[in-house]
Amino acid sequence: MPQNPVILVHGYSDQGPSFKPWADQLASHGYAGTYHTCTYRSLVNHLTIKDIAEGFERALSAKIGPDQPFDAILHTTGMLLIRSLLIAN
């Protein structure tokens, strides 16, 4: 059975590459999913969580296709992005 791609979403004042150790650990434990790290601009005052979530949804659709299932590993503000995405849909 194929596994869902895994989306790794950082928190406030961080960047996607900080999740590389998570992707490495998943791979070393035999998880055969596809890993995508997300980087968004969390330190910009004129962007709202809703703005970032809308951009995240567009990027996600481009990476894995529209309305496709995925698993997510999130940290702090990353959870707010996913929650905003789920509420909008």
PDB file of N, CA and C in Angstrom:
ATOM      1  N   MET A   1       0.847  -1.187   0.000  1.00  0.00           N
ATOM      2  CA  MET A   1       0.000   0.000   0.000  1.00  0.00           C
ATOM      3  C   MET A   1       0.888   1.245   0.000  1.00  0.00           C
ATOM      4  N   PRO A   2       0.692   2.150  -0.967  1.00  0.00           N
ATOM      5  CA  PRO A   2       1.525   3.350  -1.018  1.00  0.00           C
ATOM      6  C   PRO A   2       1.271   4.257   0.181  1.00  0.00           C
ATOM      7  N   GLN A   3       2.323   4.929   0.588  1.00  0.00           N
ATOM      8  CA  GLN A   3       2.210   5.859   1.698  1.00  0.00           C
ATOM      9  C   GLN A   3       1.983   7.271   1.168  1.00  0.00           C
ATOM     10  N   ASN A   4       1.318   8.077   1.972  1.00  0.00           N
ATOM     11  CA  ASN A   4       1.121   9.479   1.616  1.00  0.00           C
ATOM     12  C   ASN A   4       2.453  10.216   1.665  1.00  0.00           C
ATOM     13  N   PRO A   5       2.592  11.259   0.835  1.00  0.00           N
ATOM     14  CA  PRO A   5       3.775  12.105   0.984  1.00  0.00           C
ATOM     15  C   PRO A   5       3.730  12.787   2.352  1.00  0.00           C
ATOM     16  N   VAL A   6       4.900  13.099   2.877  1.00  0.00           N
ATOM     17  CA  VAL A   6       5.003  13.771   4.167  1.00  0.00           C
ATOM     18  C   VAL A   6       5.451  15.210   3.921  1.00  0.00           C
ATOM     19  N   ILE A   7       4.671  16.139   4.464  1.00  0.00           N
ATOM     20  CA  ILE A   7       4.983  17.553   4.353  1.00  0.00           C
ATOM     21  C   ILE A   7       5.522  18.001   5.704  1.00  0.00           C
ATOM     22  N   LEU A   8       6.695  18.598   5.712  1.00  0.00           N
ATOM     23  CA  LEU A   8       7.346  19.064   6.940  1.00  0.00           C
ATOM     24  C   LEU A   8       7.243  20.590   6.971  1.00  0.00           C
ATOM     25  N   VAL A   9       6.557  21.121   7.978  1.00  0.00           N
ATOM     26  CA  VAL A   9       6.282  22.562   8.025  1.00  0.00           C
ATOM     27  C   VAL A   9       6.857  23.154   9.310  1.00  0.00           C
ATOM     28  N   HIS A  10       7.770  24.088   9.155  1.00  0.00           N
ATOM     29  CA  HIS A  10       8.443  24.714  10.298  1.00  0.00           C
ATOM     30  C   HIS A  10       7.530  25.686  11.038  1.00  0.00           C
ATOM     31  N   GLY A  11       8.007  26.162  12.143  1.00  0.00           N
ATOM     32  CA  GLY A  11       7.286  27.129  12.956  1.00  0.00           C
ATOM     33  C   GLY A  11       7.791  28.541  12.743  1.00  0.00           C
ATOM     34  N   TYR A  12       7.411  29.400  13.650  1.00  0.00           N
ATOM     35  CA  TYR A  12       7.742  30.822  13.608  1.00  0.00           C
ATOM     36  C   TYR A  12       9.253  31.039  13.639  1.00  0.00           C
ATOM     37  N   SER A  13       9.732  31.917  12.821  1.00  0.00           N
ATOM     38  CA  SER A  13      11.130  32.341  12.707  1.00  0.00           C
ATOM     39  C   SER A  13      12.098  31.208  12.375  1.00  0.00           C
ATOM     40  N   ASP A  14      11.638  30.230  11.639  1.00  0.00           N
ATOM     41  CA  ASP A  14      12.481  29.103  11.246  1.00  0.00           C
ATOM     42  C   ASP A  14      12.436  28.971   9.727  1.00  0.00           C
ATOM     43  N   GLN A  15      13.068  27.918   9.206  1.00  0.00           N
ATOM     44  CA  GLN A  15      13.061  27.647   7.773  1.00  0.00           C
ATOM     45  C   GLN A  15      12.948  26.152   7.544  1.00  0.00           C
ATOM     46  N   GLY A  16      12.487  25.779   6.371  1.00  0.00           N
ATOM     47  CA  GLY A  16      12.282  24.384   6.025  1.00  0.00           C
ATOM     48  C   GLY A  16      13.483  23.474   6.220  1.00  0.00           C
ATOM     49  N   PRO A  17      14.703  23.908   5.882  1.00  0.00           N
ATOM     50  CA  PRO A  17      15.849  23.019   6.030  1.00  0.00           C
ATOM     51  C   PRO A  17      16.080  22.500   7.458  1.00  0.00           C
ATOM     52  N   SER A  18      15.516  23.156   8.448  1.00  0.00           N
ATOM     53  CA  SER A  18      15.686  22.656   9.821  1.00  0.00           C
ATOM     54  C   SER A  18      14.993  21.313  10.016  1.00  0.00           C
ATOM     55  N   PHE A  19      14.103  20.939   9.091  1.00  0.00           N
ATOM     56  CA  PHE A  19      13.427  19.645   9.179  1.00  0.00           C
ATOM     57  C   PHE A  19      14.189  18.528   8.468  1.00  0.00           C
ATOM     58  N   LYS A  20      15.344  18.819   7.885  1.00  0.00           N
ATOM     59  CA  LYS A  20      16.111  17.756   7.210  1.00  0.00           C
ATOM     60  C   LYS A  20      16.431  16.596   8.146  1.00  0.00           C
ATOM     61  N   PRO A  21      16.800  16.826   9.406  1.00  0.00           N
ATOM     62  CA  PRO A  21      17.029  15.682  10.298  1.00  0.00           C
ATOM     63  C   PRO A  21      15.793  14.789  10.458  1.00  0.00           C
ATOM     64  N   TRP A  22      14.606  15.378  10.443  1.00  0.00           N
ATOM     65  CA  TRP A  22      13.379  14.567  10.519  1.00  0.00           C
ATOM     66  C   TRP A  22      13.254  13.696   9.272  1.00  0.00           C
ATOM     67  N   ALA A  23      13.468  14.288   8.103  1.00  0.00           N
ATOM     68  CA  ALA A  23      13.385  13.520   6.860  1.00  0.00           C
ATOM     69  C   ALA A  23      14.417  12.401   6.860  1.00  0.00           C
ATOM     70  N   ASP A  24      15.622  12.692   7.325  1.00  0.00           N
ATOM     71  CA  ASP A  24      16.666  11.670   7.400  1.00  0.00           C
ATOM     72  C   ASP A  24      16.266  10.541   8.344  1.00  0.00           C
ATOM     73  N   GLN A  25      15.684  10.876   9.497  1.00  0.00           N
ATOM     74  CA  GLN A  25      15.256   9.860  10.459  1.00  0.00           C
ATOM     75  C   GLN A  25      14.131   8.998   9.886  1.00  0.00           C
ATOM     76  N   LEU A  26      13.161   9.620   9.225  1.00  0.00           N
ATOM     77  CA  LEU A  26      12.077   8.850   8.609  1.00  0.00           C
ATOM     78  C   LEU A  26      12.643   7.860   7.586  1.00  0.00           C
ATOM     79  N   ALA A  27      13.537   8.348   6.748  1.00  0.00           N
ATOM     80  CA  ALA A  27      14.139   7.481   5.729  1.00  0.00           C
ATOM     81  C   ALA A  27      14.947   6.361   6.367  1.00  0.00           C
ATOM     82  N   SER A  28      15.690   6.656   7.429  1.00  0.00           N
ATOM     83  CA  SER A  28      16.526   5.624   8.060  1.00  0.00           C
ATOM     84  C   SER A  28      15.700   4.567   8.786  1.00  0.00           C
ATOM     85  N   HIS A  29      14.443   4.895   9.087  1.00  0.00           N
ATOM     86  CA  HIS A  29      13.557   3.929   9.748  1.00  0.00           C
ATOM     87  C   HIS A  29      12.613   3.254   8.756  1.00  0.00           C
ATOM     88  N   GLY A  30      12.926   3.372   7.480  1.00  0.00           N
ATOM     89  CA  GLY A  30      12.200   2.629   6.468  1.00  0.00           C
ATOM     90  C   GLY A  30      10.922   3.264   5.967  1.00  0.00           C
ATOM     91  N   TYR A  31      10.625   4.478   6.372  1.00  0.00           N
ATOM     92  CA  TYR A  31       9.437   5.124   5.851  1.00  0.00           C
ATOM     93  C   TYR A  31       9.716   5.497   4.407  1.00  0.00           C
ATOM     94  N   ALA A  32       8.898   5.013   3.521  1.00  0.00           N
ATOM     95  CA  ALA A  32       9.168   5.182   2.094  1.00  0.00           C
ATOM     96  C   ALA A  32       8.430   6.372   1.488  1.00  0.00           C
ATOM     97  N   GLY A  33       7.916   7.266   2.314  1.00  0.00           N
ATOM     98  CA  GLY A  33       7.175   8.410   1.808  1.00  0.00           C
ATOM     99  C   GLY A  33       8.063   9.403   1.092  1.00  0.00           C
ATOM    100  N   THR A  34       7.455  10.373   0.476  1.00  0.00           N
ATOM    101  CA  THR A  34       8.160  11.465  -0.170  1.00  0.00           C
ATOM    102  C   THR A  34       8.118  12.651   0.776  1.00  0.00           C
ATOM    103  N   TYR A  35       9.244  13.306   0.981  1.00  0.00           N
ATOM    104  CA  TYR A  35       9.327  14.395   1.946  1.00  0.00           C
ATOM    105  C   TYR A  35       9.445  15.728   1.233  1.00  0.00           C
ATOM    106  N   HIS A  36       8.645  16.670   1.669  1.00  0.00           N
ATOM    107  CA  HIS A  36       8.691  18.027   1.138  1.00  0.00           C
ATOM    108  C   HIS A  36       8.808  18.968   2.323  1.00  0.00           C
ATOM    109  N   THR A  37       9.847  19.781   2.349  1.00  0.00           N
ATOM    110  CA  THR A  37       9.956  20.781   3.406  1.00  0.00           C
ATOM    111  C   THR A  37       9.410  22.096   2.881  1.00  0.00           C
ATOM    112  N   CYS A  38       8.706  22.761   3.730  1.00  0.00           N
ATOM    113  CA  CYS A  38       8.052  24.013   3.391  1.00  0.00           C
ATOM    114  C   CYS A  38       8.794  25.158   4.071  1.00  0.00           C
ATOM    115  N   THR A  39       9.070  26.207   3.337  1.00  0.00           N
ATOM    116  CA  THR A  39       9.631  27.417   3.934  1.00  0.00           C
ATOM    117  C   THR A  39       8.683  28.560   3.620  1.00  0.00           C
ATOM    118  N   TYR A  40       8.294  29.264   4.649  1.00  0.00           N
ATOM    119  CA  TYR A  40       7.447  30.429   4.465  1.00  0.00           C
ATOM    120  C   TYR A  40       8.019  31.576   5.290  1.00  0.00           C
ATOM    121  N   ARG A  41       7.607  32.772   4.978  1.00  0.00           N
ATOM    122  CA  ARG A  41       8.140  33.971   5.644  1.00  0.00           C
ATOM    123  C   ARG A  41       7.303  34.270   6.874  1.00  0.00           C
ATOM    124  N   SER A  42       7.775  33.853   8.021  1.00  0.00           N
ATOM    125  CA  SER A  42       7.012  34.015   9.259  1.00  0.00           C
ATOM    126  C   SER A  42       7.300  35.328   9.974  1.00  0.00           C
ATOM    127  N   LEU A  43       8.323  36.021   9.579  1.00  0.00           N
ATOM    128  CA  LEU A  43       8.694  37.256  10.277  1.00  0.00           C
ATOM    129  C   LEU A  43       8.313  38.511   9.501  1.00  0.00           C
ATOM    130  N   VAL A  44       7.270  38.423   8.699  1.00  0.00           N
ATOM    131  CA  VAL A  44       6.807  39.555   7.913  1.00  0.00           C
ATOM    132  C   VAL A  44       5.441  39.968   8.449  1.00  0.00           C
ATOM    133  N   ASN A  45       5.355  41.171   8.975  1.00  0.00           N
ATOM    134  CA  ASN A  45       4.139  41.611   9.654  1.00  0.00           C
ATOM    135  C   ASN A  45       2.932  41.791   8.744  1.00  0.00           C
ATOM    136  N   HIS A  46       3.130  42.070   7.466  1.00  0.00           N
ATOM    137  CA  HIS A  46       1.981  42.319   6.598  1.00  0.00           C
ATOM    138  C   HIS A  46       1.336  41.033   6.078  1.00  0.00           C
ATOM    139  N   LEU A  47       1.917  39.880   6.349  1.00  0.00           N
ATOM    140  CA  LEU A  47       1.325  38.600   5.955  1.00  0.00           C
ATOM    141  C   LEU A  47       0.577  38.002   7.141  1.00  0.00           C
ATOM    142  N   THR A  48      -0.615  37.507   6.880  1.00  0.00           N
ATOM    143  CA  THR A  48      -1.392  36.840   7.931  1.00  0.00           C
ATOM    144  C   THR A  48      -1.260  35.331   7.773  1.00  0.00           C
ATOM    145  N   ILE A  49      -1.696  34.612   8.793  1.00  0.00           N
ATOM    146  CA  ILE A  49      -1.720  33.146   8.704  1.00  0.00           C
ATOM    147  C   ILE A  49      -2.569  32.727   7.504  1.00  0.00           C
ATOM    148  N   LYS A  50      -3.690  33.403   7.296  1.00  0.00           N
ATOM    149  CA  LYS A  50      -4.556  33.089   6.152  1.00  0.00           C
ATOM    150  C   LYS A  50      -3.804  33.278   4.836  1.00  0.00           C
ATOM    151  N   ASP A  51      -3.054  34.375   4.712  1.00  0.00           N
ATOM    152  CA  ASP A  51      -2.257  34.618   3.501  1.00  0.00           C
ATOM    153  C   ASP A  51      -1.263  33.481   3.270  1.00  0.00           C
ATOM    154  N   ILE A  52      -0.563  33.125   4.318  1.00  0.00           N
ATOM    155  CA  ILE A  52       0.453  32.069   4.207  1.00  0.00           C
ATOM    156  C   ILE A  52      -0.207  30.730   3.891  1.00  0.00           C
ATOM    157  N   ALA A  53      -1.351  30.454   4.510  1.00  0.00           N
ATOM    158  CA  ALA A  53      -2.061  29.193   4.256  1.00  0.00           C
ATOM    159  C   ALA A  53      -2.521  29.108   2.802  1.00  0.00           C
ATOM    160  N   GLU A  54      -2.977  30.223   2.241  1.00  0.00           N
ATOM    161  CA  GLU A  54      -3.385  30.226   0.839  1.00  0.00           C
ATOM    162  C   GLU A  54      -2.194  29.935  -0.079  1.00  0.00           C
ATOM    163  N   GLY A  55      -1.055  30.542   0.218  1.00  0.00           N
ATOM    164  CA  GLY A  55       0.155  30.261  -0.556  1.00  0.00           C
ATOM    165  C   GLY A  55       0.614  28.826  -0.371  1.00  0.00           C
ATOM    166  N   PHE A  56       0.498  28.327   0.862  1.00  0.00           N
ATOM    167  CA  PHE A  56       0.858  26.943   1.159  1.00  0.00           C
ATOM    168  C   PHE A  56      -0.015  25.988   0.351  1.00  0.00           C
ATOM    169  N   GLU A  57      -1.313  26.266   0.278  1.00  0.00           N
ATOM    170  CA  GLU A  57      -2.223  25.407  -0.481  1.00  0.00           C
ATOM    171  C   GLU A  57      -1.846  25.374  -1.964  1.00  0.00           C
ATOM    172  N   ARG A  58      -1.489  26.534  -2.520  1.00  0.00           N
ATOM    173  CA  ARG A  58      -1.066  26.580  -3.933  1.00  0.00           C
ATOM    174  C   ARG A  58       0.215  25.771  -4.141  1.00  0.00           C
ATOM    175  N   ALA A  59       1.182  25.947  -3.232  1.00  0.00           N
ATOM    176  CA  ALA A  59       2.447  25.209  -3.347  1.00  0.00           C
ATOM    177  C   ALA A  59       2.224  23.716  -3.177  1.00  0.00           C
ATOM    178  N   LEU A  60       1.367  23.354  -2.244  1.00  0.00           N
ATOM    179  CA  LEU A  60       1.069  21.943  -1.998  1.00  0.00           C
ATOM    180  C   LEU A  60       0.421  21.306  -3.229  1.00  0.00           C
ATOM    181  N   SER A  61      -0.528  22.006  -3.831  1.00  0.00           N
ATOM    182  CA  SER A  61      -1.180  21.495  -5.039  1.00  0.00           C
ATOM    183  C   SER A  61      -0.180  21.307  -6.169  1.00  0.00           C
ATOM    184  N   ALA A  62       0.781  22.227  -6.285  1.00  0.00           N
ATOM    185  CA  ALA A  62       1.799  22.117  -7.333  1.00  0.00           C
ATOM    186  C   ALA A  62       2.735  20.936  -7.080  1.00  0.00           C
ATOM    187  N   LYS A  63       3.022  20.653  -5.803  1.00  0.00           N
ATOM    188  CA  LYS A  63       3.960  19.569  -5.461  1.00  0.00           C
ATOM    189  C   LYS A  63       3.331  18.187  -5.549  1.00  0.00           C
ATOM    190  N   ILE A  64       2.122  18.030  -4.959  1.00  0.00           N
ATOM    191  CA  ILE A  64       1.544  16.680  -4.868  1.00  0.00           C
ATOM    192  C   ILE A  64       0.231  16.531  -5.623  1.00  0.00           C
ATOM    193  N   GLY A  65      -0.283  17.627  -6.162  1.00  0.00           N
ATOM    194  CA  GLY A  65      -1.551  17.600  -6.881  1.00  0.00           C
ATOM    195  C   GLY A  65      -2.679  18.115  -6.005  1.00  0.00           C
ATOM    196  N   PRO A  66      -3.720  18.639  -6.648  1.00  0.00           N
ATOM    197  CA  PRO A  66      -4.830  19.190  -5.870  1.00  0.00           C
ATOM    198  C   PRO A  66      -5.619  18.097  -5.148  1.00  0.00           C
ATOM    199  N   ASP A  67      -6.033  18.399  -3.941  1.00  0.00           N
ATOM    200  CA  ASP A  67      -6.902  17.522  -3.141  1.00  0.00           C
ATOM    201  C   ASP A  67      -6.332  16.128  -2.904  1.00  0.00           C
ATOM    202  N   GLN A  68      -5.014  16.012  -2.847  1.00  0.00           N
ATOM    203  CA  GLN A  68      -4.378  14.731  -2.587  1.00  0.00           C
ATOM    204  C   GLN A  68      -4.117  14.570  -1.087  1.00  0.00           C
ATOM    205  N   PRO A  69      -4.247  13.365  -0.556  1.00  0.00           N
ATOM    206  CA  PRO A  69      -3.951  13.168   0.868  1.00  0.00           C
ATOM    207  C   PRO A  69      -2.453  13.297   1.139  1.00  0.00           C
ATOM    208  N   PHE A  70      -2.139  13.745   2.338  1.00  0.00           N
ATOM    209  CA  PHE A  70      -0.748  13.847   2.758  1.00  0.00           C
ATOM    210  C   PHE A  70      -0.703  13.735   4.267  1.00  0.00           C
ATOM    211  N   ASP A  71       0.461  13.418   4.781  1.00  0.00           N
ATOM    212  CA  ASP A  71       0.720  13.444   6.211  1.00  0.00           C
ATOM    213  C   ASP A  71       1.592  14.662   6.479  1.00  0.00           C
ATOM    214  N   ALA A  72       1.523  15.172   7.696  1.00  0.00           N
ATOM    215  CA  ALA A  72       2.290  16.378   8.006  1.00  0.00           C
ATOM    216  C   ALA A  72       2.978  16.258   9.349  1.00  0.00           C
ATOM    217  N   ILE A  73       4.192  16.758   9.402  1.00  0.00           N
ATOM    218  CA  ILE A  73       4.921  16.947  10.661  1.00  0.00           C
ATOM    219  C   ILE A  73       5.091  18.450  10.787  1.00  0.00           C
ATOM    220  N   LEU A  74       4.581  18.986  11.892  1.00  0.00           N
ATOM    221  CA  LEU A  74       4.468  20.435  12.042  1.00  0.00           C
ATOM    222  C   LEU A  74       5.124  20.902  13.322  1.00  0.00           C
ATOM    223  N   HIS A  75       5.509  22.156  13.313  1.00  0.00           N
ATOM    224  CA  HIS A  75       5.997  22.776  14.547  1.00  0.00           C
ATOM    225  C   HIS A  75       5.321  24.134  14.690  1.00  0.00           C
ATOM    226  N   THR A  76       4.816  24.408  15.849  1.00  0.00           N
ATOM    227  CA  THR A  76       4.162  25.658  16.255  1.00  0.00           C
ATOM    228  C   THR A  76       3.301  26.277  15.162  1.00  0.00           C
ATOM    229  N   THR A  77       3.773  27.343  14.531  1.00  0.00           N
ATOM    230  CA  THR A  77       2.975  28.074  13.556  1.00  0.00           C
ATOM    231  C   THR A  77       2.587  27.202  12.366  1.00  0.00           C
ATOM    232  N   GLY A  78       3.353  26.168  12.093  1.00  0.00           N
ATOM    233  CA  GLY A  78       2.985  25.224  11.035  1.00  0.00           C
ATOM    234  C   GLY A  78       1.616  24.623  11.275  1.00  0.00           C
ATOM    235  N   MET A  79       1.269  24.373  12.538  1.00  0.00           N
ATOM    236  CA  MET A  79      -0.056  23.845  12.860  1.00  0.00           C
ATOM    237  C   MET A  79      -1.142  24.863  12.544  1.00  0.00           C
ATOM    238  N   LEU A  80      -0.860  26.139  12.784  1.00  0.00           N
ATOM    239  CA  LEU A  80      -1.844  27.169  12.443  1.00  0.00           C
ATOM    240  C   LEU A  80      -2.088  27.213  10.936  1.00  0.00           C
ATOM    241  N   LEU A  81      -1.037  26.991  10.149  1.00  0.00           N
ATOM    242  CA  LEU A  81      -1.195  26.972   8.690  1.00  0.00           C
ATOM    243  C   LEU A  81      -2.097  25.824   8.259  1.00  0.00           C
ATOM    244  N   ILE A  82      -1.840  24.645   8.785  1.00  0.00           N
ATOM    245  CA  ILE A  82      -2.654  23.482   8.411  1.00  0.00           C
ATOM    246  C   ILE A  82      -4.095  23.677   8.874  1.00  0.00           C
ATOM    247  N   ARG A  83      -4.269  24.190  10.084  1.00  0.00           N
ATOM    248  CA  ARG A  83      -5.631  24.426  10.587  1.00  0.00           C
ATOM    249  C   ARG A  83      -6.369  25.412   9.695  1.00  0.00           C
ATOM    250  N   SER A  84      -5.711  26.484   9.298  1.00  0.00           N
ATOM    251  CA  SER A  84      -6.334  27.463   8.411  1.00  0.00           C
ATOM    252  C   SER A  84      -6.681  26.834   7.065  1.00  0.00           C
ATOM    253  N   LEU A  85      -5.811  25.997   6.548  1.00  0.00           N
ATOM    254  CA  LEU A  85      -6.051  25.297   5.300  1.00  0.00           C
ATOM    255  C   LEU A  85      -7.269  24.384   5.413  1.00  0.00           C
ATOM    256  N   LEU A  86      -7.386  23.650   6.497  1.00  0.00           N
ATOM    257  CA  LEU A  86      -8.499  22.727   6.693  1.00  0.00           C
ATOM    258  C   LEU A  86      -9.819  23.458   6.874  1.00  0.00           C
ATOM    259  N   ILE A  87      -9.788  24.575   7.582  1.00  0.00           N
ATOM    260  CA  ILE A  87     -11.014  25.345   7.801  1.00  0.00           C
ATOM    261  C   ILE A  87     -11.520  25.930   6.492  1.00  0.00           C
ATOM    262  N   ALA A  88     -10.602  26.358   5.626  1.00  0.00           N
ATOM    263  CA  ALA A  88     -10.981  26.966   4.351  1.00  0.00           C
ATOM    264  C   ALA A  88     -11.605  25.953   3.408  1.00  0.00           C
ATOM    265  N   ASN A  89     -11.259  24.684   3.600  1.00  0.00           N
ATOM    266  CA  ASN A  89     -11.778  23.654   2.692  1.00  0.00           C
ATOM    267  C   ASN A  89     -12.901  22.969   3.367  1.00  0.00           C
TER     268      ASN A  89
END
